[in-house]
Structures are given as structure tokens and as C-alpha cells.
Amino acid sequence: MKFQFDHNNINVFDLEKSLKFYKEALGLMEVKRHEQAEGKFILVYLGDGATQHRLELTWLK
């Protein structure tokens, strides 16, 4: 996977709670999602709609 934007990564235990937190606290919205075929991990990229920077949330099984 090739990234064309700056991003930071945070590993999370509860993806849905984390998505809710970043939306309510910082106004970040999901802009891209990648779910590994065997279900071993999910990557969710959040953005603010104003910059190219992304926050990557990683959930590991």
C-alpha cells in the first residue's frame, strides 16, 4: 500500500469507540478504510476536510 499523504498512526482496542471519540472531540471523519481479508486488522484513516494530513487508527485482532 503506497501512501501519498502525511499521517500518524494510533493502535486502538475498540475501533467504534475511537471513531466516535475523534469525531466528537476533534471533528475528524473517516475518509478511507482497509479491512484485511482474513480479518486480522482494520485500518481507518481520519481527516479534517481542510488538510491532507490523516490520522490512521489501526485495530489488530
C-alpha atoms as a PDB file:
ATOM      1  CA  MET A   1       0.000   0.000   0.000  1.00  0.00           C
ATOM      2  CA  LYS A   2       1.504   3.353  -1.048  1.00  0.00           C
ATOM      3  CA  PHE A   3       0.649   6.466   0.958  1.00  0.00           C
ATOM      4  CA  GLN A   4       0.522   9.871  -0.719  1.00  0.00           C
ATOM      5  CA  PHE A   5      -0.213  11.876   2.413  1.00  0.00           C
ATOM      6  CA  ASP A   6       1.339  12.578   5.779  1.00  0.00           C
ATOM      7  CA  HIS A   7      -0.193  10.597   8.587  1.00  0.00           C
ATOM      8  CA  ASN A   8       0.206   9.465  12.171  1.00  0.00           C
ATOM      9  CA  ASN A   9      -0.799   6.047  13.458  1.00  0.00           C
ATOM     10  CA  ILE A  10      -2.518   5.026  16.683  1.00  0.00           C
ATOM     11  CA  ASN A  11      -3.306   1.406  17.582  1.00  0.00           C
ATOM     12  CA  VAL A  12      -6.744   1.089  19.191  1.00  0.00           C
ATOM     13  CA  PHE A  13      -8.532  -1.625  21.182  1.00  0.00           C
ATOM     14  CA  ASP A  14     -12.102  -0.540  20.367  1.00  0.00           C
ATOM     15  CA  LEU A  15     -12.403   0.891  16.857  1.00  0.00           C
ATOM     16  CA  GLU A  16     -16.006   2.107  17.150  1.00  0.00           C
ATOM     17  CA  LYS A  17     -15.362   3.961  20.443  1.00  0.00           C
ATOM     18  CA  SER A  18     -12.223   5.503  18.963  1.00  0.00           C
ATOM     19  CA  LEU A  19     -14.054   6.667  15.830  1.00  0.00           C
ATOM     20  CA  LYS A  20     -16.745   8.268  17.997  1.00  0.00           C
ATOM     21  CA  PHE A  21     -14.143   9.975  20.209  1.00  0.00           C
ATOM     22  CA  TYR A  22     -12.144  11.513  17.340  1.00  0.00           C
ATOM     23  CA  LYS A  23     -15.339  12.696  15.625  1.00  0.00           C
ATOM     24  CA  GLU A  24     -16.781  14.328  18.755  1.00  0.00           C
ATOM     25  CA  ALA A  25     -13.527  15.676  20.234  1.00  0.00           C
ATOM     26  CA  LEU A  26     -11.680  16.799  17.100  1.00  0.00           C
ATOM     27  CA  GLY A  27     -14.222  16.727  14.277  1.00  0.00           C
ATOM     28  CA  LEU A  28     -12.261  14.065  12.356  1.00  0.00           C
ATOM     29  CA  MET A  29     -14.228  11.969   9.888  1.00  0.00           C
ATOM     30  CA  GLU A  30     -13.466   8.629   8.237  1.00  0.00           C
ATOM     31  CA  VAL A  31     -12.037   9.160   4.747  1.00  0.00           C
ATOM     32  CA  LYS A  32     -10.715   5.681   3.938  1.00  0.00           C
ATOM     33  CA  ARG A  33     -10.876   2.146   5.330  1.00  0.00           C
ATOM     34  CA  HIS A  34      -8.908  -1.026   4.609  1.00  0.00           C
ATOM     35  CA  GLU A  35     -10.042  -4.354   6.071  1.00  0.00           C
ATOM     36  CA  GLN A  36      -7.547  -7.203   5.773  1.00  0.00           C
ATOM     37  CA  ALA A  37      -9.107 -10.217   4.008  1.00  0.00           C
ATOM     38  CA  GLU A  38      -8.693 -12.655   6.915  1.00  0.00           C
ATOM     39  CA  GLY A  39      -9.909 -10.112   9.461  1.00  0.00           C
ATOM     40  CA  LYS A  40      -6.542  -9.737  11.200  1.00  0.00           C
ATOM     41  CA  PHE A  41      -6.583  -5.940  11.115  1.00  0.00           C
ATOM     42  CA  ILE A  42      -8.565  -2.886  10.057  1.00  0.00           C
ATOM     43  CA  LEU A  43      -7.029   0.455   9.102  1.00  0.00           C
ATOM     44  CA  VAL A  44      -9.200   3.562   9.225  1.00  0.00           C
ATOM     45  CA  TYR A  45      -7.943   6.954   8.047  1.00  0.00           C
ATOM     46  CA  LEU A  46      -9.477  10.075   9.533  1.00  0.00           C
ATOM     47  CA  GLY A  47      -9.270  13.602   8.161  1.00  0.00           C
ATOM     48  CA  ASP A  48     -10.471  17.085   8.994  1.00  0.00           C
ATOM     49  CA  GLY A  49     -11.541  18.023   5.459  1.00  0.00           C
ATOM     50  CA  ALA A  50      -9.195  21.024   5.426  1.00  0.00           C
ATOM     51  CA  THR A  51      -5.717  19.477   5.226  1.00  0.00           C
ATOM     52  CA  GLN A  52      -4.076  16.454   3.607  1.00  0.00           C
ATOM     53  CA  HIS A  53      -2.904  15.083   6.972  1.00  0.00           C
ATOM     54  CA  ARG A  54      -4.536  11.825   8.122  1.00  0.00           C
ATOM     55  CA  LEU A  55      -4.805  10.062  11.446  1.00  0.00           C
ATOM     56  CA  GLU A  56      -4.586   6.290  10.944  1.00  0.00           C
ATOM     57  CA  LEU A  57      -6.389   4.138  13.502  1.00  0.00           C
ATOM     58  CA  THR A  58      -5.252   0.518  13.482  1.00  0.00           C
ATOM     59  CA  TRP A  59      -7.299  -2.247  15.090  1.00  0.00           C
ATOM     60  CA  LEU A  60      -5.437  -5.557  15.447  1.00  0.00           C
ATOM     61  CA  LYS A  61      -7.286  -8.805  16.133  1.00  0.00           C
END
